[in-house]
Amino acid sequence: MSAHFARPDIHPALARLADRRLLRDFAYVGGRWTAGQESFAVTDPADGSTVGFVASLSAEDTERAIDAAAAAFAAWKALLPQARGAILARWNDLILAAKEDLALLMVLEQGKPLGEARGEIDYAASFVAFYAEEAKRVSVESVASHLPNAAMSVSRVPLGVVGLVTPWNFPAAMLTRKAAAALAAGCTVVAHPSSETPLSALALAELAERAGMPAGVFNVVTGDAATIVGRLCADARVRALSFTGSTEIGRLIAAQCAPTVKRLILELGGHAPLIIFADADLDRAIDIAVDAKFATSGQDCLAANRIFVERPLHDRFVAAFARKVAALNVGPGLTDGSEIGPLMHARAVAKVDAQVQDAVAKGARLVMGGHRHAAGPLFYAPTILAEVPAEALIMHEETFGPVAAVVAFDSEAEVIARANDTEYGLAAYLVTRDGARIARMSAALDYGMVAVNRVKITGAPVPFGGVKQSGLGREGSRHGLEAFTDLKYVCLDLG
């Protein structure tokens, strides 16, 4: 392992990097690139080849990262918001300038098609740009006094050190959405990226260093999740923990954080319904269904997991949907025209296949797919199931793969009940041209976000998050910054 970056001769596609120093193999702690006693391999899910080796840090190393963040907090908090914003603005500029290299690294470690990876880098940078400006708007409120001879004010103050735990499906955007908000608020950060996709986070740390981020303000700790996240949860100096991942792991993190009463920002699982009424434009409904289901190969908490189609449109929808899905190109992310890449690991393939086999065994009709794809061991053929019974696993579990479950319905009341019959409540999709129905359905759907006649609804100005067991708090918007602050009330005697 090199002291500066992973060996560029491991994976042939790394020769395409314009800036080799973006390929880092050490963690970033206290402004230093830090080796662990051990390392782990990062592999390309398209073919299993090795992309590089990354330092695996210990609990003690994590403690040193927390030490560095705690030591850096006072000075970072004291900076004028304009100064923090200027550093974030430089970071944004560097991210955009390095888009091609960052996208390449993402494809190699995560597998998504190159076009999607480029889009994610733009999306990731948008949060940094947004919070560079929003840092200046954390204002003091005056309060009309209810006491004589008193002046009152309420301000927002940064929490302190925050821990960020990010997933493998959006390795750049999930880090910047959390980190930019925390840094703009005046917090210091210890981030732990998924061990499947650490290279994106380390490249972002390299660019943050070039942008002038002071030592200790932004730390990236790579290695075993249980070891590192366990230490973040246990340390009382870590005042907030932001996690994106499964509801199951979110529950464990919440329990581990309870003894230190941390602020929790949890973006957990989704089980999104896509509801299509008979008055919908069929071509538009098909496009929405394909985008909502198959982006990122279905590995998205916002992916449409259950597609409900009003009965008069159902058969035509299924036939047209199958034709559109059959035309999707399956292949490695660096192959021109690839639209469906590999799943992240063998466990994901096994889960998807088990859901398909279960649904068919319980009476679902396999319209197309339903098998592993010849492109490689981690590829699964785009799949459509119709007439899926309510008791099938896929109607209750998040899929995280390229499998669409389609069901007919007969009334608004029926589909609302079925859509809401889940512990999850992240996002829902609605397709109809009836304005009154849009108002009724949007109010009745028990989800934090509702997309009407479109798929893309997220972005830096938007409060992203769900209800029920899809999480706590919001990311993005001013609410995402405020999540990393406490309210401080001051009452001044004027007598």
Protein backbone atom coordinates (compact mmCIF):
# COMPACT_ATOMS: atom_id res chain seq x y z
CA MET A 1 0.00 0.00 0.00
CA SER A 2 1.37 3.41 -0.97
CA ALA A 3 1.46 6.23 1.54
CA HIS A 4 -0.42 8.41 -0.91
CA PHE A 5 -2.77 6.40 -3.07
CA ALA A 6 -3.73 2.86 -3.97
CA ARG A 7 -1.65 1.08 -6.59
CA PRO A 8 -2.90 2.22 -10.02
CA ASP A 9 -1.98 -1.06 -11.66
CA ILE A 10 -4.60 -3.19 -9.90
CA HIS A 11 -7.62 -2.41 -12.04
CA PRO A 12 -7.01 -1.44 -15.68
CA ALA A 13 -9.76 1.22 -15.68
CA LEU A 14 -7.82 3.21 -13.07
CA ALA A 15 -5.50 4.27 -15.89
CA ARG A 16 -8.33 6.59 -16.96
CA LEU A 17 -7.96 8.72 -13.81
CA ALA A 18 -6.71 12.21 -14.65
CA ASP A 19 -5.81 12.88 -11.00
CA ARG A 20 -4.27 9.80 -9.42
CA ARG A 21 -4.19 11.39 -5.97
CA LEU A 22 -7.95 11.06 -5.78
CA LEU A 23 -7.46 7.31 -5.36
CA ARG A 24 -6.66 7.14 -1.65
CA ASP A 25 -5.99 4.02 0.37
CA PHE A 26 -5.51 5.52 3.85
CA ALA A 27 -8.15 6.95 6.16
CA TYR A 28 -8.16 10.68 6.89
CA VAL A 29 -7.82 11.58 10.58
CA GLY A 30 -6.86 14.94 12.05
CA GLY A 31 -5.64 16.24 8.71
CA ARG A 32 -3.35 13.24 8.17
CA TRP A 33 -3.65 10.24 5.88
CA THR A 34 -3.66 7.38 8.36
CA ALA A 35 -2.82 3.71 7.89
CA GLY A 36 -4.33 0.96 10.01
CA GLN A 37 -2.76 -2.28 11.12
CA GLU A 38 -4.85 -4.05 8.50
CA SER A 39 -6.45 -3.30 5.15
CA PHE A 40 -9.40 -4.60 3.16
CA ALA A 41 -10.04 -5.04 -0.54
CA VAL A 42 -12.45 -2.93 -2.55
CA THR A 43 -13.83 -4.91 -5.48
CA ASP A 44 -15.65 -4.10 -8.70
CA PRO A 45 -19.13 -5.70 -8.46
CA ALA A 46 -19.28 -6.00 -12.25
CA ASP A 47 -16.56 -8.67 -12.36
CA GLY A 48 -15.18 -9.16 -8.85
CA SER A 49 -11.77 -7.71 -9.71
CA THR A 50 -9.80 -5.75 -7.14
CA VAL A 51 -9.91 -1.97 -7.35
CA GLY A 52 -7.68 -1.26 -4.38
CA PHE A 53 -6.94 -1.85 -0.71
CA VAL A 54 -8.05 0.56 2.01
CA ALA A 55 -6.91 0.97 5.61
CA SER A 56 -9.04 -0.77 8.22
CA LEU A 57 -8.95 1.34 11.36
CA SER A 58 -9.48 0.15 14.91
CA ALA A 59 -11.62 1.39 17.78
CA GLU A 60 -8.55 3.22 19.09
CA ASP A 61 -8.05 4.91 15.72
CA THR A 62 -11.70 5.95 15.79
CA GLU A 63 -11.11 7.44 19.23
CA ARG A 64 -8.24 9.47 17.80
CA ALA A 65 -10.54 10.75 15.07
CA ILE A 66 -13.04 11.85 17.71
CA ASP A 67 -10.18 13.47 19.64
CA ALA A 68 -9.19 15.41 16.51
CA ALA A 69 -12.75 16.52 15.80
CA ALA A 70 -13.27 17.58 19.42
CA ALA A 71 -10.02 19.56 19.41
CA ALA A 72 -10.94 21.31 16.15
CA PHE A 73 -14.50 22.19 17.18
CA ALA A 74 -13.92 25.44 19.08
CA ALA A 75 -11.97 27.09 16.27
CA TRP A 76 -14.35 25.87 13.55
CA LYS A 77 -17.38 27.03 15.53
CA ALA A 78 -15.75 30.44 16.05
CA LEU A 79 -15.18 31.04 12.33
CA LEU A 80 -17.56 33.49 10.75
CA PRO A 81 -20.27 31.66 8.80
CA GLN A 82 -18.99 33.40 5.67
CA ALA A 83 -15.58 31.80 6.21
CA ARG A 84 -17.04 28.33 6.64
CA GLY A 85 -19.19 28.96 3.57
CA ALA A 86 -16.16 29.99 1.53
CA ILE A 87 -14.39 26.70 2.30
CA LEU A 88 -17.51 24.77 1.34
CA ALA A 89 -17.78 26.78 -1.89
CA ARG A 90 -14.20 25.85 -2.80
CA TRP A 91 -14.97 22.22 -2.00
CA ASN A 92 -17.98 22.37 -4.33
CA ASP A 93 -15.85 23.82 -7.15
CA LEU A 94 -13.24 21.09 -6.74
CA ILE A 95 -15.88 18.33 -6.71
CA LEU A 96 -17.37 19.58 -9.96
CA ALA A 97 -13.94 19.96 -11.56
CA ALA A 98 -13.13 16.34 -10.65
CA LYS A 99 -16.51 14.94 -11.75
CA GLU A 100 -15.16 12.49 -14.31
CA ASP A 101 -12.63 10.99 -11.92
CA LEU A 102 -15.12 10.82 -9.05
CA ALA A 103 -17.70 9.18 -11.30
CA LEU A 104 -15.14 6.62 -12.50
CA LEU A 105 -14.21 5.67 -8.93
CA MET A 106 -17.88 5.33 -8.06
CA VAL A 107 -18.58 3.00 -10.98
CA LEU A 108 -15.61 0.82 -10.08
CA GLU A 109 -16.58 0.39 -6.43
CA GLN A 110 -20.39 0.58 -6.65
CA GLY A 111 -21.23 -0.67 -10.15
CA LYS A 112 -23.84 1.86 -11.25
CA PRO A 113 -23.80 3.01 -14.90
CA LEU A 114 -21.39 5.84 -15.62
CA GLY A 115 -24.17 8.27 -16.56
CA GLU A 116 -25.84 7.71 -13.20
CA ALA A 117 -22.52 8.17 -11.42
CA ARG A 118 -21.95 11.52 -13.15
CA GLY A 119 -25.43 12.56 -12.12
CA GLU A 120 -24.69 11.62 -8.52
CA ILE A 121 -21.57 13.78 -8.45
CA ASP A 122 -23.63 16.76 -9.61
CA TYR A 123 -26.21 15.91 -6.97
CA ALA A 124 -23.53 15.54 -4.28
CA ALA A 125 -21.98 18.90 -5.17
CA SER A 126 -25.38 20.60 -5.05
CA PHE A 127 -25.59 20.02 -1.30
CA VAL A 128 -22.17 21.54 -0.74
CA ALA A 129 -23.10 24.59 -2.82
CA PHE A 130 -26.44 24.96 -1.03
CA TYR A 131 -24.99 24.77 2.48
CA ALA A 132 -22.12 27.10 1.56
CA GLU A 133 -24.85 29.74 1.25
CA GLU A 134 -27.11 28.46 4.01
CA ALA A 135 -24.27 28.76 6.54
CA LYS A 136 -24.82 32.53 6.45
CA ARG A 137 -28.50 32.25 7.36
CA VAL A 138 -28.39 30.62 10.79
CA SER A 139 -29.95 33.63 12.48
CA VAL A 140 -30.71 34.92 15.95
CA GLU A 141 -34.41 35.38 16.73
CA SER A 142 -35.67 38.12 19.00
CA VAL A 143 -38.53 37.20 21.30
CA ALA A 144 -41.14 39.68 22.47
CA SER A 145 -40.55 39.70 26.21
CA HIS A 146 -43.31 38.62 28.57
CA LEU A 147 -41.23 39.85 31.53
CA PRO A 148 -40.60 43.46 32.56
CA ASN A 149 -37.13 44.92 31.96
CA ALA A 150 -35.95 41.95 29.94
CA ALA A 151 -34.66 41.40 26.43
CA MET A 152 -34.82 37.91 24.99
CA SER A 153 -33.09 36.17 22.10
CA VAL A 154 -32.93 32.65 20.70
CA SER A 155 -30.01 31.47 18.59
CA ARG A 156 -28.89 28.22 17.03
CA VAL A 157 -25.53 26.86 18.16
CA PRO A 158 -23.66 23.88 16.68
CA LEU A 159 -23.93 20.62 18.55
CA GLY A 160 -20.22 19.71 18.46
CA VAL A 161 -18.70 16.54 17.05
CA VAL A 162 -21.10 14.56 14.86
CA GLY A 163 -20.79 11.05 13.47
CA LEU A 164 -21.92 10.31 9.93
CA VAL A 165 -22.52 6.77 8.68
CA THR A 166 -23.13 6.51 4.95
CA PRO A 167 -24.34 3.69 2.67
CA TRP A 168 -22.95 2.09 -0.47
CA ASN A 169 -25.75 2.91 -2.91
CA PHE A 170 -25.06 6.67 -3.09
CA PRO A 171 -21.51 6.90 -1.70
CA ALA A 172 -20.86 10.54 -2.64
CA ALA A 173 -24.26 12.21 -2.27
CA MET A 174 -25.14 10.70 1.09
CA LEU A 175 -21.83 11.94 2.51
CA THR A 176 -22.09 15.49 1.19
CA ARG A 177 -25.77 15.81 2.15
CA LYS A 178 -24.85 15.08 5.75
CA ALA A 179 -21.37 16.59 5.99
CA ALA A 180 -22.07 19.89 4.24
CA ALA A 181 -25.01 20.58 6.56
CA ALA A 182 -23.04 19.70 9.69
CA LEU A 183 -19.99 21.71 8.63
CA ALA A 184 -22.10 24.73 7.68
CA ALA A 185 -23.73 24.62 11.12
CA GLY A 186 -20.28 24.77 12.75
CA CYS A 187 -19.95 21.11 13.73
CA THR A 188 -16.93 18.92 13.15
CA VAL A 189 -17.34 15.54 11.51
CA VAL A 190 -16.21 11.94 11.86
CA ALA A 191 -17.57 10.05 8.85
CA HIS A 192 -17.65 6.31 8.30
CA PRO A 193 -18.38 5.21 4.71
CA SER A 194 -19.56 1.74 3.81
CA SER A 195 -16.67 -0.68 3.39
CA GLU A 196 -18.06 -1.62 -0.03
CA THR A 197 -17.57 1.96 -1.28
CA PRO A 198 -14.92 3.86 0.70
CA LEU A 199 -13.05 5.30 -2.30
CA SER A 200 -15.65 7.98 -3.02
CA ALA A 201 -15.51 9.27 0.55
CA LEU A 202 -11.70 9.31 0.62
CA ALA A 203 -11.58 11.20 -2.69
CA LEU A 204 -13.99 13.76 -1.23
CA ALA A 205 -11.71 14.07 1.81
CA GLU A 206 -8.75 14.76 -0.49
CA LEU A 207 -10.75 17.54 -2.18
CA ALA A 208 -11.88 18.93 1.18
CA GLU A 209 -8.24 19.16 2.25
CA ARG A 210 -7.39 21.03 -0.96
CA ALA A 211 -10.33 23.36 -0.32
CA GLY A 212 -8.72 24.46 2.95
CA MET A 213 -10.72 22.41 5.45
CA PRO A 214 -8.76 22.73 8.73
CA ALA A 215 -7.21 19.63 10.26
CA GLY A 216 -9.64 17.68 12.41
CA VAL A 217 -12.78 19.32 11.03
CA PHE A 218 -13.58 16.57 8.51
CA ASN A 219 -12.39 13.04 9.26
CA VAL A 220 -13.06 9.83 7.31
CA VAL A 221 -12.60 6.57 9.21
CA THR A 222 -12.63 3.38 7.13
CA GLY A 223 -12.89 -0.20 8.32
CA ASP A 224 -15.25 -2.51 10.15
CA ALA A 225 -18.65 -0.91 10.71
CA ALA A 226 -19.42 -2.57 14.04
CA THR A 227 -16.09 -1.45 15.50
CA ILE A 228 -16.16 2.13 14.22
CA VAL A 229 -19.86 2.90 14.57
CA GLY A 230 -19.93 1.25 17.98
CA ARG A 231 -17.27 3.69 19.19
CA LEU A 232 -19.10 6.67 17.65
CA CYS A 233 -22.27 5.63 19.46
CA ALA A 234 -20.56 5.10 22.80
CA ASP A 235 -18.49 8.31 22.96
CA ALA A 236 -20.34 11.09 24.80
CA ARG A 237 -18.40 13.75 22.86
CA VAL A 238 -20.20 12.70 19.69
CA ARG A 239 -23.36 14.75 20.11
CA ALA A 240 -25.25 13.58 17.02
CA LEU A 241 -25.22 10.58 14.76
CA SER A 242 -26.62 10.64 11.23
CA PHE A 243 -27.13 7.27 9.57
CA THR A 244 -28.51 6.16 6.21
CA GLY A 245 -29.23 2.47 5.87
CA SER A 246 -31.66 -0.26 6.80
CA THR A 247 -34.33 0.11 9.46
CA GLU A 248 -32.91 -2.96 11.21
CA ILE A 249 -29.48 -1.36 11.64
CA GLY A 250 -31.08 2.00 12.47
CA ARG A 251 -32.83 0.41 15.45
CA LEU A 252 -29.52 -1.00 16.71
CA ILE A 253 -27.81 2.38 16.36
CA ALA A 254 -30.63 4.14 18.19
CA ALA A 255 -30.28 1.68 21.07
CA GLN A 256 -26.51 2.12 21.22
CA CYS A 257 -26.87 5.92 21.22
CA ALA A 258 -29.47 5.97 24.00
CA PRO A 259 -27.00 5.99 26.94
CA THR A 260 -25.41 9.23 25.69
CA VAL A 261 -28.74 10.76 24.54
CA LYS A 262 -27.42 11.72 21.11
CA ARG A 263 -29.33 13.61 18.48
CA LEU A 264 -30.33 11.06 15.84
CA ILE A 265 -30.91 11.72 12.16
CA LEU A 266 -31.94 8.41 10.62
CA GLU A 267 -32.77 7.85 6.95
CA LEU A 268 -33.92 4.25 6.93
CA GLY A 269 -35.73 1.77 4.74
CA GLY A 270 -38.42 2.43 2.17
CA HIS A 271 -41.23 0.40 0.64
CA ALA A 272 -42.57 2.92 -1.84
CA PRO A 273 -45.94 2.40 -3.53
CA LEU A 274 -46.45 3.63 -7.08
CA ILE A 275 -50.17 4.18 -7.64
CA ILE A 276 -51.40 4.56 -11.22
CA PHE A 277 -55.02 5.43 -11.92
CA ALA A 278 -56.87 4.55 -15.12
CA ASP A 279 -57.03 8.19 -16.22
CA ALA A 280 -53.23 8.39 -16.42
CA ASP A 281 -51.43 8.86 -19.72
CA LEU A 282 -50.12 5.33 -20.33
CA ASP A 283 -46.81 6.31 -21.94
CA ARG A 284 -46.08 8.75 -19.11
CA ALA A 285 -47.03 6.15 -16.51
CA ILE A 286 -44.65 3.62 -18.10
CA ASP A 287 -41.76 6.09 -18.10
CA ILE A 288 -42.41 6.92 -14.45
CA ALA A 289 -42.58 3.25 -13.50
CA VAL A 290 -39.31 2.41 -15.24
CA ASP A 291 -37.47 5.34 -13.68
CA ALA A 292 -38.95 4.84 -10.22
CA LYS A 293 -38.19 1.11 -10.19
CA PHE A 294 -34.97 0.55 -12.13
CA ALA A 295 -32.70 3.56 -11.41
CA THR A 296 -29.54 2.40 -9.59
CA SER A 297 -30.64 -1.14 -10.57
CA GLY A 298 -33.43 -0.80 -8.00
CA GLN A 299 -30.91 -0.29 -5.17
CA ASP A 300 -32.53 2.86 -3.84
CA CYS A 301 -34.63 3.48 -0.74
CA LEU A 302 -36.90 5.59 -2.98
CA ALA A 303 -37.42 2.78 -5.51
CA ALA A 304 -41.02 1.85 -6.26
CA ASN A 305 -41.39 -1.48 -4.49
CA ARG A 306 -45.11 -2.07 -5.11
CA ILE A 307 -46.87 -0.88 -8.28
CA PHE A 308 -50.64 -0.58 -7.93
CA VAL A 309 -52.54 -0.08 -11.21
CA GLU A 310 -56.27 0.60 -11.42
CA ARG A 311 -57.93 -2.46 -12.97
CA PRO A 312 -59.19 -0.91 -16.25
CA LEU A 313 -55.59 0.02 -17.13
CA HIS A 314 -53.82 -2.95 -15.56
CA ASP A 315 -53.45 -5.35 -18.48
CA ARG A 316 -52.39 -2.68 -20.97
CA PHE A 317 -49.94 -1.29 -18.43
CA VAL A 318 -48.30 -4.66 -17.77
CA ALA A 319 -47.87 -5.39 -21.49
CA ALA A 320 -46.40 -1.96 -22.28
CA PHE A 321 -44.26 -1.99 -19.14
CA ALA A 322 -42.77 -5.35 -20.13
CA ARG A 323 -41.87 -4.06 -23.59
CA LYS A 324 -40.08 -1.04 -22.10
CA VAL A 325 -38.24 -3.05 -19.46
CA ALA A 326 -37.15 -5.66 -22.01
CA ALA A 327 -35.29 -2.92 -23.87
CA LEU A 328 -33.13 -1.97 -20.86
CA ASN A 329 -29.44 -2.68 -21.37
CA VAL A 330 -27.80 -4.81 -18.70
CA GLY A 331 -24.04 -4.65 -18.26
CA PRO A 332 -21.02 -3.21 -16.46
CA GLY A 333 -21.28 0.45 -15.57
CA LEU A 334 -18.40 1.47 -17.86
CA THR A 335 -19.98 -0.19 -20.90
CA ASP A 336 -21.56 2.36 -23.25
CA GLY A 337 -25.34 2.32 -23.01
CA SER A 338 -25.50 0.29 -19.81
CA GLU A 339 -28.68 1.02 -17.85
CA ILE A 340 -28.81 -1.83 -15.32
CA GLY A 341 -25.59 -2.61 -13.49
CA PRO A 342 -24.69 -5.30 -10.97
CA LEU A 343 -26.11 -5.58 -7.48
CA MET A 344 -23.71 -4.75 -4.69
CA HIS A 345 -23.00 -8.23 -3.35
CA ALA A 346 -24.13 -11.85 -3.41
CA ARG A 347 -26.49 -11.33 -0.46
CA ALA A 348 -28.46 -8.79 -2.49
CA VAL A 349 -28.79 -11.20 -5.42
CA ALA A 350 -29.92 -13.99 -3.11
CA LYS A 351 -32.54 -11.75 -1.46
CA VAL A 352 -33.96 -10.59 -4.79
CA ASP A 353 -34.14 -14.12 -6.15
CA ALA A 354 -35.77 -15.40 -2.96
CA GLN A 355 -38.48 -12.72 -3.21
CA VAL A 356 -39.19 -13.65 -6.83
CA GLN A 357 -39.37 -17.38 -6.13
CA ASP A 358 -41.60 -16.78 -3.10
CA ALA A 359 -44.01 -14.60 -5.09
CA VAL A 360 -44.28 -17.16 -7.90
CA ALA A 361 -44.81 -19.99 -5.43
CA LYS A 362 -47.68 -18.01 -3.87
CA GLY A 363 -49.41 -17.43 -7.19
CA ALA A 364 -47.78 -14.41 -8.85
CA ARG A 365 -47.38 -14.46 -12.62
CA LEU A 366 -43.81 -14.12 -13.86
CA VAL A 367 -44.09 -11.74 -16.81
CA MET A 368 -40.38 -11.57 -17.56
CA GLY A 369 -36.98 -12.14 -15.95
CA GLY A 370 -36.84 -13.98 -12.67
CA HIS A 371 -33.27 -15.23 -12.96
CA ARG A 372 -29.64 -14.23 -12.65
CA HIS A 373 -28.28 -12.49 -15.72
CA ALA A 374 -25.48 -13.81 -17.90
CA ALA A 375 -23.53 -10.54 -17.54
CA GLY A 376 -22.01 -11.81 -14.28
CA PRO A 377 -22.71 -13.40 -10.89
CA LEU A 378 -23.98 -10.14 -9.34
CA PHE A 379 -26.32 -9.22 -12.20
CA TYR A 380 -30.03 -9.97 -11.99
CA ALA A 381 -32.32 -9.81 -15.00
CA PRO A 382 -34.91 -7.00 -14.90
CA THR A 383 -38.02 -8.74 -13.67
CA ILE A 384 -41.76 -8.06 -13.67
CA LEU A 385 -44.24 -9.93 -11.50
CA ALA A 386 -48.00 -9.48 -11.98
CA GLU A 387 -51.00 -10.47 -9.85
CA VAL A 388 -48.74 -10.58 -6.81
CA PRO A 389 -50.65 -11.80 -3.74
CA ALA A 390 -50.71 -9.69 -0.59
CA GLU A 391 -48.93 -12.40 1.41
CA ALA A 392 -45.84 -12.48 -0.85
CA LEU A 393 -42.61 -11.32 0.77
CA ILE A 394 -42.03 -8.67 -1.88
CA MET A 395 -45.22 -6.91 -0.73
CA HIS A 396 -43.79 -6.54 2.78
CA GLU A 397 -40.00 -6.34 2.40
CA GLU A 398 -37.84 -3.77 0.67
CA THR A 399 -36.41 -5.39 -2.46
CA PHE A 400 -33.31 -3.34 -3.39
CA GLY A 401 -33.08 -4.90 -6.83
CA PRO A 402 -34.50 -4.77 -10.37
CA VAL A 403 -37.80 -6.53 -9.64
CA ALA A 404 -41.18 -4.85 -10.13
CA ALA A 405 -44.30 -6.23 -8.42
CA VAL A 406 -47.55 -5.14 -10.11
CA VAL A 407 -51.01 -5.43 -8.53
CA ALA A 408 -54.49 -4.37 -9.70
CA PHE A 409 -56.83 -2.31 -7.51
CA ASP A 410 -60.44 -1.16 -7.77
CA SER A 411 -60.92 1.91 -5.58
CA GLU A 412 -59.15 4.78 -3.86
CA ALA A 413 -60.05 3.45 -0.43
CA GLU A 414 -58.60 0.04 -1.28
CA VAL A 415 -55.31 1.31 -2.65
CA ILE A 416 -54.81 3.80 0.21
CA ALA A 417 -55.24 1.01 2.74
CA ARG A 418 -52.85 -1.28 0.88
CA ALA A 419 -50.24 1.41 0.27
CA ASN A 420 -50.24 2.45 3.93
CA ASP A 421 -50.14 -1.14 5.22
CA THR A 422 -46.43 -1.08 6.03
CA GLU A 423 -44.10 -0.01 8.80
CA TYR A 424 -42.28 2.18 6.27
CA GLY A 425 -43.22 5.69 5.22
CA LEU A 426 -40.47 7.26 3.14
CA ALA A 427 -41.86 8.05 -0.33
CA ALA A 428 -44.91 7.34 -2.47
CA TYR A 429 -45.61 7.94 -6.16
CA LEU A 430 -48.98 8.92 -7.62
CA VAL A 431 -49.95 9.08 -11.32
CA THR A 432 -53.33 10.60 -12.22
CA ARG A 433 -54.74 13.59 -14.09
CA ASP A 434 -57.58 14.19 -11.61
CA GLY A 435 -56.78 17.27 -9.53
CA ALA A 436 -59.22 16.49 -6.73
CA ARG A 437 -57.87 12.95 -6.51
CA ILE A 438 -54.31 14.30 -6.25
CA ALA A 439 -55.37 16.38 -3.24
CA ARG A 440 -57.19 13.48 -1.57
CA MET A 441 -54.46 10.92 -2.17
CA SER A 442 -51.58 13.21 -1.18
CA ALA A 443 -53.29 13.85 2.15
CA ALA A 444 -54.18 10.20 2.74
CA LEU A 445 -50.81 8.59 1.91
CA ASP A 446 -48.83 8.13 5.14
CA TYR A 447 -45.44 9.03 3.70
CA GLY A 448 -42.94 11.81 4.27
CA MET A 449 -42.67 12.57 0.54
CA VAL A 450 -45.19 12.19 -2.28
CA ALA A 451 -44.24 12.48 -5.95
CA VAL A 452 -47.16 13.35 -8.23
CA ASN A 453 -46.83 12.60 -11.96
CA ARG A 454 -43.03 12.58 -11.76
CA VAL A 455 -40.11 10.67 -10.24
CA LYS A 456 -37.37 13.11 -9.32
CA ILE A 457 -38.40 15.21 -6.34
CA THR A 458 -35.29 15.41 -4.16
CA GLY A 459 -32.58 18.06 -4.04
CA ALA A 460 -30.65 20.34 -1.72
CA PRO A 461 -33.55 22.73 -0.91
CA VAL A 462 -35.91 19.83 -0.07
CA PRO A 463 -36.39 18.30 3.42
CA PHE A 464 -35.72 14.62 2.65
CA GLY A 465 -37.05 12.03 5.08
CA GLY A 466 -39.83 9.70 6.07
CA VAL A 467 -42.31 8.85 8.78
CA LYS A 468 -42.97 5.75 10.87
CA GLN A 469 -39.97 3.40 10.76
CA SER A 470 -38.41 5.06 7.73
CA GLY A 471 -36.49 7.38 9.98
CA LEU A 472 -36.13 10.44 12.18
CA GLY A 473 -35.42 14.01 11.13
CA ARG A 474 -34.80 15.49 7.71
CA GLU A 475 -31.79 15.98 5.44
CA GLY A 476 -31.40 18.81 2.94
CA SER A 477 -33.01 22.27 3.22
CA ARG A 478 -32.58 24.53 6.23
CA HIS A 479 -34.06 21.71 8.33
CA GLY A 480 -31.05 19.55 7.50
CA LEU A 481 -28.71 22.20 8.87
CA GLU A 482 -30.85 22.87 11.94
CA ALA A 483 -30.67 19.17 12.80
CA PHE A 484 -27.02 19.76 13.77
CA THR A 485 -27.81 22.70 16.07
CA ASP A 486 -29.31 23.33 19.48
CA LEU A 487 -31.47 26.29 20.42
CA LYS A 488 -29.93 28.63 22.98
CA TYR A 489 -32.15 31.12 24.79
CA VAL A 490 -30.68 34.21 26.47
CA CYS A 491 -32.69 36.52 28.77
CA LEU A 492 -30.97 39.85 29.49
CA ASP A 493 -32.04 42.02 32.39
CA LEU A 494 -32.32 45.67 31.33
CA GLY A 495 -32.66 47.16 34.80
